[in-house]
């Protein structure tokens, strides 16, 4: 298959995983036309390049530098998309590593067949990932692929809009018609865009055969900060999330995870998991009510403090 897609990767202080990603993209059955890197803070990228001559072997890669004050989850990706002329593009994060050489081929398939206008990959836990994070990954990214549209809202609720641009492919014409990612948002730009797709009558493909290694064992405090920002994003876009709240899905996850840990001989992890889940919920609730909180407290709670400055 000819190269029909560009890959867009926002980076910040990239490390060896980014080099693994470039290597894996170079060996895909469908190779990207261009790799467009939107890098935050040039000094970090220059530090990565130092002593690595093989980075020059990617002539289809272009790097554009911005400052930390210019970075925005939605607009930075939009800037990368504007630099692309391909009919399809793939958004990835710097630490999402293709599990095999067929990632791009399989990810693009639902778009090429006209089944969907967005297609996102299955995320697999990396080696050494904790039992809790492993279960959460499999809970959010099951083995079965699925197409999602308006008719699934009653059954799936907020999961209808679930779509992670840690690795997702987009139809460029539809993306432009819908106005791209929301220009200024603290978090969740991928789900906000996916909600727009569904409400416009489009379909989202969860493509389980397209797989990346991508996981994080966050501490309870890191999860608190992430879920605070999640709550903020939902509070800022009530027209998207008012009728599909997250709480019920979170409760189902905790119940199933508790049972799984008990069945697999990991009972010792149940109390720490419940403790961490409590902090997630607290962060989420504070985020959804952030407009009632003082500015300094908001900045303390948020993962993305530059957003508030």
C-alpha atoms as a PDB file:
ATOM      1  CA  UNK A   1       0.000   0.000   0.000  1.00  0.00           C
ATOM      2  CA  UNK A   2       1.338   3.415  -0.909  1.00  0.00           C
ATOM      3  CA  UNK A   3       2.101   6.030   1.742  1.00  0.00           C
ATOM      4  CA  UNK A   4      -1.151   7.942   2.246  1.00  0.00           C
ATOM      5  CA  UNK A   5      -0.837   9.164   5.810  1.00  0.00           C
ATOM      6  CA  UNK A   6       1.366  11.458   7.846  1.00  0.00           C
ATOM      7  CA  UNK A   7       2.130  10.801  11.502  1.00  0.00           C
ATOM      8  CA  UNK A   8       1.927  13.720  13.937  1.00  0.00           C
ATOM      9  CA  UNK A   9       3.739  13.417  17.273  1.00  0.00           C
ATOM     10  CA  UNK A  10       3.783  16.071  20.004  1.00  0.00           C
ATOM     11  CA  UNK A  11       6.939  15.667  22.092  1.00  0.00           C
ATOM     12  CA  UNK A  12       8.298  17.110  25.313  1.00  0.00           C
ATOM     13  CA  UNK A  13      11.676  16.032  26.623  1.00  0.00           C
ATOM     14  CA  UNK A  14      11.651  12.885  24.441  1.00  0.00           C
ATOM     15  CA  UNK A  15      13.821   9.936  25.453  1.00  0.00           C
ATOM     16  CA  UNK A  16      14.790   6.525  24.150  1.00  0.00           C
ATOM     17  CA  UNK A  17      11.164   5.461  23.712  1.00  0.00           C
ATOM     18  CA  UNK A  18      10.819   8.138  21.052  1.00  0.00           C
ATOM     19  CA  UNK A  19      13.769   6.620  19.208  1.00  0.00           C
ATOM     20  CA  UNK A  20      12.057   3.206  19.447  1.00  0.00           C
ATOM     21  CA  UNK A  21       8.925   4.754  17.975  1.00  0.00           C
ATOM     22  CA  UNK A  22      10.829   6.201  15.002  1.00  0.00           C
ATOM     23  CA  UNK A  23      12.482   2.848  14.363  1.00  0.00           C
ATOM     24  CA  UNK A  24       9.137   1.052  14.498  1.00  0.00           C
ATOM     25  CA  UNK A  25       7.472   3.545  12.150  1.00  0.00           C
ATOM     26  CA  UNK A  26      10.317   3.083   9.682  1.00  0.00           C
ATOM     27  CA  UNK A  27       9.610  -0.666   9.508  1.00  0.00           C
ATOM     28  CA  UNK A  28       5.834  -0.482   9.037  1.00  0.00           C
ATOM     29  CA  UNK A  29       4.170  -2.360   6.171  1.00  0.00           C
ATOM     30  CA  UNK A  30       2.572   1.009   5.348  1.00  0.00           C
ATOM     31  CA  UNK A  31       5.253   3.586   6.037  1.00  0.00           C
ATOM     32  CA  UNK A  32       4.230   7.148   6.897  1.00  0.00           C
ATOM     33  CA  UNK A  33       4.628   9.752   4.200  1.00  0.00           C
ATOM     34  CA  UNK A  34       5.962  12.309   6.705  1.00  0.00           C
ATOM     35  CA  UNK A  35       6.562  12.320  10.439  1.00  0.00           C
ATOM     36  CA  UNK A  36       5.651  15.757  11.778  1.00  0.00           C
ATOM     37  CA  UNK A  37       7.043  16.371  15.264  1.00  0.00           C
ATOM     38  CA  UNK A  38       5.660  19.264  17.314  1.00  0.00           C
ATOM     39  CA  UNK A  39       8.283  19.582  20.028  1.00  0.00           C
ATOM     40  CA  UNK A  40       7.973  21.605  23.222  1.00  0.00           C
ATOM     41  CA  UNK A  41      11.274  23.323  24.134  1.00  0.00           C
ATOM     42  CA  UNK A  42      14.028  22.933  21.551  1.00  0.00           C
ATOM     43  CA  UNK A  43      16.781  22.342  24.135  1.00  0.00           C
ATOM     44  CA  UNK A  44      15.288  18.986  25.110  1.00  0.00           C
ATOM     45  CA  UNK A  45      15.167  17.732  21.539  1.00  0.00           C
ATOM     46  CA  UNK A  46      18.723  18.865  20.888  1.00  0.00           C
ATOM     47  CA  UNK A  47      19.831  16.958  23.976  1.00  0.00           C
ATOM     48  CA  UNK A  48      18.167  13.808  22.600  1.00  0.00           C
ATOM     49  CA  UNK A  49      19.932  14.204  19.239  1.00  0.00           C
ATOM     50  CA  UNK A  50      23.399  14.638  20.775  1.00  0.00           C
ATOM     51  CA  UNK A  51      25.575  11.677  19.854  1.00  0.00           C
ATOM     52  CA  UNK A  52      22.828   9.937  17.871  1.00  0.00           C
ATOM     53  CA  UNK A  53      23.826  10.007  14.222  1.00  0.00           C
ATOM     54  CA  UNK A  54      21.120   7.504  13.285  1.00  0.00           C
ATOM     55  CA  UNK A  55      18.411  10.113  13.869  1.00  0.00           C
ATOM     56  CA  UNK A  56      19.491  11.504  10.482  1.00  0.00           C
ATOM     57  CA  UNK A  57      18.268   8.328   8.782  1.00  0.00           C
ATOM     58  CA  UNK A  58      14.677   9.584   8.959  1.00  0.00           C
ATOM     59  CA  UNK A  59      14.590  12.131   6.111  1.00  0.00           C
ATOM     60  CA  UNK A  60      10.777  12.130   6.192  1.00  0.00           C
ATOM     61  CA  UNK A  61      10.815  13.572   9.732  1.00  0.00           C
ATOM     62  CA  UNK A  62      10.427  17.297  10.305  1.00  0.00           C
ATOM     63  CA  UNK A  63      10.617  18.945  13.716  1.00  0.00           C
ATOM     64  CA  UNK A  64       8.894  22.180  14.696  1.00  0.00           C
ATOM     65  CA  UNK A  65       9.712  23.731  18.065  1.00  0.00           C
ATOM     66  CA  UNK A  66       7.391  25.653  20.375  1.00  0.00           C
ATOM     67  CA  UNK A  67       7.780  26.945  23.931  1.00  0.00           C
ATOM     68  CA  UNK A  68       6.059  25.386  26.933  1.00  0.00           C
ATOM     69  CA  UNK A  69       3.791  28.454  27.081  1.00  0.00           C
ATOM     70  CA  UNK A  70       2.603  27.835  23.517  1.00  0.00           C
ATOM     71  CA  UNK A  71       1.737  24.174  24.060  1.00  0.00           C
ATOM     72  CA  UNK A  72      -1.914  23.189  24.077  1.00  0.00           C
ATOM     73  CA  UNK A  73      -3.226  19.635  23.708  1.00  0.00           C
ATOM     74  CA  UNK A  74      -5.643  20.598  20.947  1.00  0.00           C
ATOM     75  CA  UNK A  75      -4.021  23.508  19.157  1.00  0.00           C
ATOM     76  CA  UNK A  76      -0.501  22.021  19.045  1.00  0.00           C
ATOM     77  CA  UNK A  77      -1.881  18.967  17.266  1.00  0.00           C
ATOM     78  CA  UNK A  78      -3.901  21.231  14.956  1.00  0.00           C
ATOM     79  CA  UNK A  79      -0.668  22.989  14.006  1.00  0.00           C
ATOM     80  CA  UNK A  80       0.831  19.653  13.067  1.00  0.00           C
ATOM     81  CA  UNK A  81      -2.230  18.738  11.008  1.00  0.00           C
ATOM     82  CA  UNK A  82      -2.047  22.026   9.104  1.00  0.00           C
ATOM     83  CA  UNK A  83       1.460  21.073   7.998  1.00  0.00           C
ATOM     84  CA  UNK A  84       0.144  17.821   6.529  1.00  0.00           C
ATOM     85  CA  UNK A  85      -1.204  17.495   2.990  1.00  0.00           C
ATOM     86  CA  UNK A  86      -2.091  13.792   3.233  1.00  0.00           C
ATOM     87  CA  UNK A  87      -5.725  12.581   3.037  1.00  0.00           C
ATOM     88  CA  UNK A  88      -5.249  10.789   6.380  1.00  0.00           C
ATOM     89  CA  UNK A  89      -3.102  11.461   9.408  1.00  0.00           C
ATOM     90  CA  UNK A  90      -2.214   9.537  12.539  1.00  0.00           C
ATOM     91  CA  UNK A  91      -1.728  11.164  15.928  1.00  0.00           C
ATOM     92  CA  UNK A  92       0.643   9.388  18.305  1.00  0.00           C
ATOM     93  CA  UNK A  93       2.380  10.201  21.569  1.00  0.00           C
ATOM     94  CA  UNK A  94       6.132   9.901  21.975  1.00  0.00           C
ATOM     95  CA  UNK A  95       5.855   6.827  24.244  1.00  0.00           C
ATOM     96  CA  UNK A  96       3.344   4.749  22.244  1.00  0.00           C
ATOM     97  CA  UNK A  97       5.353   2.005  20.511  1.00  0.00           C
ATOM     98  CA  UNK A  98       3.874  -0.065  17.650  1.00  0.00           C
ATOM     99  CA  UNK A  99       3.522  -3.699  18.731  1.00  0.00           C
ATOM    100  CA  UNK A 100       4.284  -4.945  15.202  1.00  0.00           C
ATOM    101  CA  UNK A 101       4.836  -3.789  11.639  1.00  0.00           C
ATOM    102  CA  UNK A 102       1.118  -3.757  10.770  1.00  0.00           C
ATOM    103  CA  UNK A 103      -0.027  -0.951  13.083  1.00  0.00           C
ATOM    104  CA  UNK A 104      -0.578   1.751  10.444  1.00  0.00           C
ATOM    105  CA  UNK A 105      -1.991  -0.655   7.864  1.00  0.00           C
ATOM    106  CA  UNK A 106      -4.620  -1.983  10.265  1.00  0.00           C
ATOM    107  CA  UNK A 107      -5.360   1.398  11.834  1.00  0.00           C
ATOM    108  CA  UNK A 108      -6.100   2.981   8.452  1.00  0.00           C
ATOM    109  CA  UNK A 109      -8.241   0.105   7.180  1.00  0.00           C
ATOM    110  CA  UNK A 110     -11.635   1.290   8.589  1.00  0.00           C
ATOM    111  CA  UNK A 111     -11.029   4.744   7.081  1.00  0.00           C
ATOM    112  CA  UNK A 112     -10.082   3.368   3.660  1.00  0.00           C
ATOM    113  CA  UNK A 113     -13.160   1.101   3.663  1.00  0.00           C
ATOM    114  CA  UNK A 114     -15.397   4.044   4.541  1.00  0.00           C
ATOM    115  CA  UNK A 115     -16.571   2.401   7.767  1.00  0.00           C
ATOM    116  CA  UNK A 116     -15.416   5.250  10.029  1.00  0.00           C
ATOM    117  CA  UNK A 117     -13.728   8.655   9.988  1.00  0.00           C
ATOM    118  CA  UNK A 118     -11.657   8.015  13.130  1.00  0.00           C
ATOM    119  CA  UNK A 119      -9.853   4.808  14.084  1.00  0.00           C
ATOM    120  CA  UNK A 120      -7.998   4.267  17.336  1.00  0.00           C
ATOM    121  CA  UNK A 121      -5.630   1.496  18.351  1.00  0.00           C
ATOM    122  CA  UNK A 122      -5.639  -1.026  21.144  1.00  0.00           C
ATOM    123  CA  UNK A 123      -3.187  -0.061  23.898  1.00  0.00           C
ATOM    124  CA  UNK A 124      -1.313  -2.936  25.506  1.00  0.00           C
ATOM    125  CA  UNK A 125       0.500  -2.807  28.858  1.00  0.00           C
ATOM    126  CA  UNK A 126       4.274  -2.662  28.638  1.00  0.00           C
ATOM    127  CA  UNK A 127       6.524  -5.294  30.198  1.00  0.00           C
ATOM    128  CA  UNK A 128       6.647  -4.977  33.968  1.00  0.00           C
ATOM    129  CA  UNK A 129       3.324  -3.161  34.163  1.00  0.00           C
ATOM    130  CA  UNK A 130       1.473  -3.629  37.479  1.00  0.00           C
ATOM    131  CA  UNK A 131      -1.529  -6.012  37.683  1.00  0.00           C
ATOM    132  CA  UNK A 132      -3.811  -3.042  38.341  1.00  0.00           C
ATOM    133  CA  UNK A 133      -2.688  -1.055  35.274  1.00  0.00           C
ATOM    134  CA  UNK A 134      -2.733  -4.239  33.163  1.00  0.00           C
ATOM    135  CA  UNK A 135      -6.377  -4.857  34.060  1.00  0.00           C
ATOM    136  CA  UNK A 136      -7.318  -1.225  33.408  1.00  0.00           C
ATOM    137  CA  UNK A 137      -5.715  -1.362  29.961  1.00  0.00           C
ATOM    138  CA  UNK A 138      -7.615  -4.536  29.065  1.00  0.00           C
ATOM    139  CA  UNK A 139     -10.818  -3.036  30.483  1.00  0.00           C
ATOM    140  CA  UNK A 140     -10.542   0.067  28.297  1.00  0.00           C
ATOM    141  CA  UNK A 141      -9.014  -1.697  25.282  1.00  0.00           C
ATOM    142  CA  UNK A 142     -10.576  -5.170  24.899  1.00  0.00           C
ATOM    143  CA  UNK A 143      -9.714  -7.797  22.284  1.00  0.00           C
ATOM    144  CA  UNK A 144     -12.803  -7.164  20.146  1.00  0.00           C
ATOM    145  CA  UNK A 145     -12.971  -4.349  17.610  1.00  0.00           C
ATOM    146  CA  UNK A 146     -16.096  -2.201  17.439  1.00  0.00           C
ATOM    147  CA  UNK A 147     -17.689   0.556  15.375  1.00  0.00           C
ATOM    148  CA  UNK A 148     -19.405   3.267  17.451  1.00  0.00           C
ATOM    149  CA  UNK A 149     -22.047   5.802  16.484  1.00  0.00           C
ATOM    150  CA  UNK A 150     -25.134   7.612  17.742  1.00  0.00           C
ATOM    151  CA  UNK A 151     -27.076   4.379  18.109  1.00  0.00           C
ATOM    152  CA  UNK A 152     -24.611   3.200  20.782  1.00  0.00           C
ATOM    153  CA  UNK A 153     -25.121   6.096  23.200  1.00  0.00           C
ATOM    154  CA  UNK A 154     -27.780   4.330  25.249  1.00  0.00           C
ATOM    155  CA  UNK A 155     -25.697   1.170  25.642  1.00  0.00           C
ATOM    156  CA  UNK A 156     -22.184   2.587  25.933  1.00  0.00           C
ATOM    157  CA  UNK A 157     -22.768   6.019  27.435  1.00  0.00           C
ATOM    158  CA  UNK A 158     -19.534   7.997  27.627  1.00  0.00           C
ATOM    159  CA  UNK A 159     -17.601   5.068  26.115  1.00  0.00           C
ATOM    160  CA  UNK A 160     -19.240   5.980  22.799  1.00  0.00           C
ATOM    161  CA  UNK A 161     -16.927   8.992  22.696  1.00  0.00           C
ATOM    162  CA  UNK A 162     -13.887   7.149  24.006  1.00  0.00           C
ATOM    163  CA  UNK A 163     -11.022   7.574  21.534  1.00  0.00           C
ATOM    164  CA  UNK A 164      -7.387   8.014  22.513  1.00  0.00           C
ATOM    165  CA  UNK A 165      -5.074   9.964  20.236  1.00  0.00           C
ATOM    166  CA  UNK A 166      -2.102   8.291  21.869  1.00  0.00           C
ATOM    167  CA  UNK A 167      -2.586   6.371  18.631  1.00  0.00           C
ATOM    168  CA  UNK A 168      -5.485   7.258  16.338  1.00  0.00           C
ATOM    169  CA  UNK A 169      -5.998   7.807  12.606  1.00  0.00           C
ATOM    170  CA  UNK A 170      -8.190  10.554  11.168  1.00  0.00           C
ATOM    171  CA  UNK A 171      -9.862  11.297   7.851  1.00  0.00           C
ATOM    172  CA  UNK A 172      -8.508  14.743   6.992  1.00  0.00           C
ATOM    173  CA  UNK A 173     -11.542  16.024   5.084  1.00  0.00           C
ATOM    174  CA  UNK A 174     -13.913  15.244   7.959  1.00  0.00           C
ATOM    175  CA  UNK A 175     -11.430  16.675  10.441  1.00  0.00           C
ATOM    176  CA  UNK A 176     -11.383  19.986   8.580  1.00  0.00           C
ATOM    177  CA  UNK A 177     -15.171  20.042   8.185  1.00  0.00           C
ATOM    178  CA  UNK A 178     -15.635  19.600  11.949  1.00  0.00           C
ATOM    179  CA  UNK A 179     -13.057  22.267  12.800  1.00  0.00           C
ATOM    180  CA  UNK A 180     -10.319  19.958  14.104  1.00  0.00           C
ATOM    181  CA  UNK A 181      -9.437  19.517  17.743  1.00  0.00           C
ATOM    182  CA  UNK A 182     -10.830  22.061  20.163  1.00  0.00           C
ATOM    183  CA  UNK A 183      -8.383  24.949  20.057  1.00  0.00           C
ATOM    184  CA  UNK A 184      -7.812  25.483  23.776  1.00  0.00           C
ATOM    185  CA  UNK A 185      -8.428  22.690  26.264  1.00  0.00           C
ATOM    186  CA  UNK A 186      -6.688  21.337  29.325  1.00  0.00           C
ATOM    187  CA  UNK A 187      -7.272  17.687  28.415  1.00  0.00           C
ATOM    188  CA  UNK A 188      -9.576  15.316  26.530  1.00  0.00           C
ATOM    189  CA  UNK A 189      -9.295  16.951  23.109  1.00  0.00           C
ATOM    190  CA  UNK A 190      -9.554  13.503  21.513  1.00  0.00           C
ATOM    191  CA  UNK A 191     -12.887  12.640  23.186  1.00  0.00           C
ATOM    192  CA  UNK A 192     -14.317  16.109  22.538  1.00  0.00           C
ATOM    193  CA  UNK A 193     -13.524  15.697  18.840  1.00  0.00           C
ATOM    194  CA  UNK A 194     -14.934  12.136  18.851  1.00  0.00           C
ATOM    195  CA  UNK A 195     -18.167  13.425  20.397  1.00  0.00           C
ATOM    196  CA  UNK A 196     -18.421  15.908  17.525  1.00  0.00           C
ATOM    197  CA  UNK A 197     -17.975  13.068  15.034  1.00  0.00           C
ATOM    198  CA  UNK A 198     -20.762  11.026  16.629  1.00  0.00           C
ATOM    199  CA  UNK A 199     -23.145  13.983  16.876  1.00  0.00           C
ATOM    200  CA  UNK A 200     -22.510  14.759  13.193  1.00  0.00           C
ATOM    201  CA  UNK A 201     -23.545  11.206  12.300  1.00  0.00           C
ATOM    202  CA  UNK A 202     -20.035   9.796  11.805  1.00  0.00           C
ATOM    203  CA  UNK A 203     -18.561   6.606  13.181  1.00  0.00           C
ATOM    204  CA  UNK A 204     -15.535   5.844  15.340  1.00  0.00           C
ATOM    205  CA  UNK A 205     -13.668   2.571  14.900  1.00  0.00           C
ATOM    206  CA  UNK A 206     -11.959   0.861  17.784  1.00  0.00           C
ATOM    207  CA  UNK A 207      -9.451  -1.238  15.830  1.00  0.00           C
ATOM    208  CA  UNK A 208      -8.151  -3.878  18.216  1.00  0.00           C
ATOM    209  CA  UNK A 209      -5.859  -5.490  15.618  1.00  0.00           C
ATOM    210  CA  UNK A 210      -3.867  -2.240  15.486  1.00  0.00           C
ATOM    211  CA  UNK A 211      -1.803  -2.386  18.675  1.00  0.00           C
ATOM    212  CA  UNK A 212       0.636  -0.160  20.530  1.00  0.00           C
ATOM    213  CA  UNK A 213       2.526  -0.640  23.775  1.00  0.00           C
ATOM    214  CA  UNK A 214       1.481   2.247  25.987  1.00  0.00           C
ATOM    215  CA  UNK A 215       0.959   2.241  29.755  1.00  0.00           C
ATOM    216  CA  UNK A 216       1.855   4.183  32.893  1.00  0.00           C
ATOM    217  CA  UNK A 217       1.915   3.111  36.529  1.00  0.00           C
ATOM    218  CA  UNK A 218       0.838   6.473  37.916  1.00  0.00           C
ATOM    219  CA  UNK A 219       1.004   7.188  41.638  1.00  0.00           C
ATOM    220  CA  UNK A 220      -2.206   8.077  43.475  1.00  0.00           C
ATOM    221  CA  UNK A 221      -1.147  11.738  43.394  1.00  0.00           C
ATOM    222  CA  UNK A 222      -0.490  11.694  39.655  1.00  0.00           C
ATOM    223  CA  UNK A 223      -3.907  10.115  39.114  1.00  0.00           C
ATOM    224  CA  UNK A 224      -5.467  12.811  41.295  1.00  0.00           C
ATOM    225  CA  UNK A 225      -3.955  15.515  39.075  1.00  0.00           C
ATOM    226  CA  UNK A 226      -4.987  13.737  35.840  1.00  0.00           C
ATOM    227  CA  UNK A 227      -8.547  13.240  37.006  1.00  0.00           C
ATOM    228  CA  UNK A 228      -8.793  16.837  38.177  1.00  0.00           C
ATOM    229  CA  UNK A 229      -7.975  17.929  34.623  1.00  0.00           C
ATOM    230  CA  UNK A 230     -10.420  15.358  33.274  1.00  0.00           C
ATOM    231  CA  UNK A 231     -13.125  16.915  35.432  1.00  0.00           C
ATOM    232  CA  UNK A 232     -12.171  20.407  34.248  1.00  0.00           C
ATOM    233  CA  UNK A 233     -12.487  19.365  30.612  1.00  0.00           C
ATOM    234  CA  UNK A 234     -15.940  17.947  31.217  1.00  0.00           C
ATOM    235  CA  UNK A 235     -17.037  21.031  33.135  1.00  0.00           C
ATOM    236  CA  UNK A 236     -15.851  23.256  30.282  1.00  0.00           C
ATOM    237  CA  UNK A 237     -17.847  21.309  27.667  1.00  0.00           C
ATOM    238  CA  UNK A 238     -21.195  20.427  29.250  1.00  0.00           C
ATOM    239  CA  UNK A 239     -22.781  20.221  25.810  1.00  0.00           C
ATOM    240  CA  UNK A 240     -20.606  17.142  25.210  1.00  0.00           C
ATOM    241  CA  UNK A 241     -20.654  15.438  28.593  1.00  0.00           C
ATOM    242  CA  UNK A 242     -23.890  16.534  30.283  1.00  0.00           C
ATOM    243  CA  UNK A 243     -25.829  13.421  29.264  1.00  0.00           C
ATOM    244  CA  UNK A 244     -22.954  10.914  29.422  1.00  0.00           C
ATOM    245  CA  UNK A 245     -21.210  11.291  32.760  1.00  0.00           C
ATOM    246  CA  UNK A 246     -18.133   9.243  33.734  1.00  0.00           C
ATOM    247  CA  UNK A 247     -19.026   8.127  37.264  1.00  0.00           C
ATOM    248  CA  UNK A 248     -20.954   4.950  36.401  1.00  0.00           C
ATOM    249  CA  UNK A 249     -18.148   3.656  34.170  1.00  0.00           C
ATOM    250  CA  UNK A 250     -15.603   4.345  36.917  1.00  0.00           C
ATOM    251  CA  UNK A 251     -17.676   2.442  39.482  1.00  0.00           C
ATOM    252  CA  UNK A 252     -17.963  -0.542  37.121  1.00  0.00           C
ATOM    253  CA  UNK A 253     -14.188  -0.541  36.640  1.00  0.00           C
ATOM    254  CA  UNK A 254     -13.492  -0.552  40.394  1.00  0.00           C
ATOM    255  CA  UNK A 255     -15.972  -3.404  41.004  1.00  0.00           C
ATOM    256  CA  UNK A 256     -14.570  -5.582  38.243  1.00  0.00           C
ATOM    257  CA  UNK A 257     -10.969  -4.781  39.190  1.00  0.00           C
ATOM    258  CA  UNK A 258     -11.615  -5.708  42.840  1.00  0.00           C
ATOM    259  CA  UNK A 259     -13.040  -9.071  41.791  1.00  0.00           C
ATOM    260  CA  UNK A 260     -10.160  -9.688  39.405  1.00  0.00           C
ATOM    261  CA  UNK A 261      -7.506  -8.976  42.047  1.00  0.00           C
ATOM    262  CA  UNK A 262      -9.264 -11.290  44.504  1.00  0.00           C
ATOM    263  CA  UNK A 263      -9.487 -14.129  41.961  1.00  0.00           C
ATOM    264  CA  UNK A 264      -5.865 -13.850  40.821  1.00  0.00           C
ATOM    265  CA  UNK A 265      -4.210 -13.935  44.250  1.00  0.00           C
ATOM    266  CA  UNK A 266      -3.562 -10.197  44.430  1.00  0.00           C
ATOM    267  CA  UNK A 267      -5.792  -9.359  47.390  1.00  0.00           C
ATOM    268  CA  UNK A 268      -2.965  -7.296  48.894  1.00  0.00           C
ATOM    269  CA  UNK A 269      -3.426  -4.815  46.042  1.00  0.00           C
ATOM    270  CA  UNK A 270      -7.128  -4.214  46.678  1.00  0.00           C
ATOM    271  CA  UNK A 271      -6.785  -1.657  49.495  1.00  0.00           C
ATOM    272  CA  UNK A 272      -4.070   0.397  47.698  1.00  0.00           C
ATOM    273  CA  UNK A 273      -6.216   0.290  44.546  1.00  0.00           C
ATOM    274  CA  UNK A 274      -9.289   1.508  46.455  1.00  0.00           C
ATOM    275  CA  UNK A 275      -7.183   4.252  48.058  1.00  0.00           C
ATOM    276  CA  UNK A 276      -5.954   5.379  44.645  1.00  0.00           C
ATOM    277  CA  UNK A 277      -9.474   5.174  43.194  1.00  0.00           C
ATOM    278  CA  UNK A 278     -10.716   7.430  45.987  1.00  0.00           C
ATOM    279  CA  UNK A 279      -8.138  10.046  45.055  1.00  0.00           C
ATOM    280  CA  UNK A 280      -9.091   9.715  41.375  1.00  0.00           C
ATOM    281  CA  UNK A 281     -12.725  10.354  42.273  1.00  0.00           C
ATOM    282  CA  UNK A 282     -11.825  13.291  44.512  1.00  0.00           C
ATOM    283  CA  UNK A 283      -9.721  14.831  41.741  1.00  0.00           C
ATOM    284  CA  UNK A 284     -12.520  14.348  39.231  1.00  0.00           C
ATOM    285  CA  UNK A 285     -15.162  15.897  41.503  1.00  0.00           C
ATOM    286  CA  UNK A 286     -12.966  18.893  42.317  1.00  0.00           C
ATOM    287  CA  UNK A 287     -12.266  19.348  38.616  1.00  0.00           C
ATOM    288  CA  UNK A 288     -15.941  19.336  37.667  1.00  0.00           C
ATOM    289  CA  UNK A 289     -16.515  22.085  40.266  1.00  0.00           C
ATOM    290  CA  UNK A 290     -13.311  24.024  39.626  1.00  0.00           C
ATOM    291  CA  UNK A 291     -15.148  27.286  38.936  1.00  0.00           C
ATOM    292  CA  UNK A 292     -16.038  27.418  42.627  1.00  0.00           C
ATOM    293  CA  UNK A 293     -12.407  27.020  43.754  1.00  0.00           C
ATOM    294  CA  UNK A 294      -9.688  29.650  44.343  1.00  0.00           C
ATOM    295  CA  UNK A 295      -7.092  30.045  41.593  1.00  0.00           C
ATOM    296  CA  UNK A 296      -4.087  28.963  43.681  1.00  0.00           C
ATOM    297  CA  UNK A 297      -5.877  25.795  44.786  1.00  0.00           C
ATOM    298  CA  UNK A 298      -6.800  24.998  41.171  1.00  0.00           C
ATOM    299  CA  UNK A 299      -3.150  25.303  40.100  1.00  0.00           C
ATOM    300  CA  UNK A 300      -2.110  22.994  42.940  1.00  0.00           C
ATOM    301  CA  UNK A 301      -4.628  20.361  41.872  1.00  0.00           C
ATOM    302  CA  UNK A 302      -3.965  20.499  38.131  1.00  0.00           C
ATOM    303  CA  UNK A 303      -1.496  18.383  36.159  1.00  0.00           C
ATOM    304  CA  UNK A 304      -1.206  21.107  33.495  1.00  0.00           C
ATOM    305  CA  UNK A 305      -0.339  24.176  35.542  1.00  0.00           C
ATOM    306  CA  UNK A 306       0.790  26.197  32.548  1.00  0.00           C
ATOM    307  CA  UNK A 307      -2.799  26.063  31.288  1.00  0.00           C
ATOM    308  CA  UNK A 308      -3.907  28.345  34.130  1.00  0.00           C
ATOM    309  CA  UNK A 309      -1.165  30.918  33.571  1.00  0.00           C
END
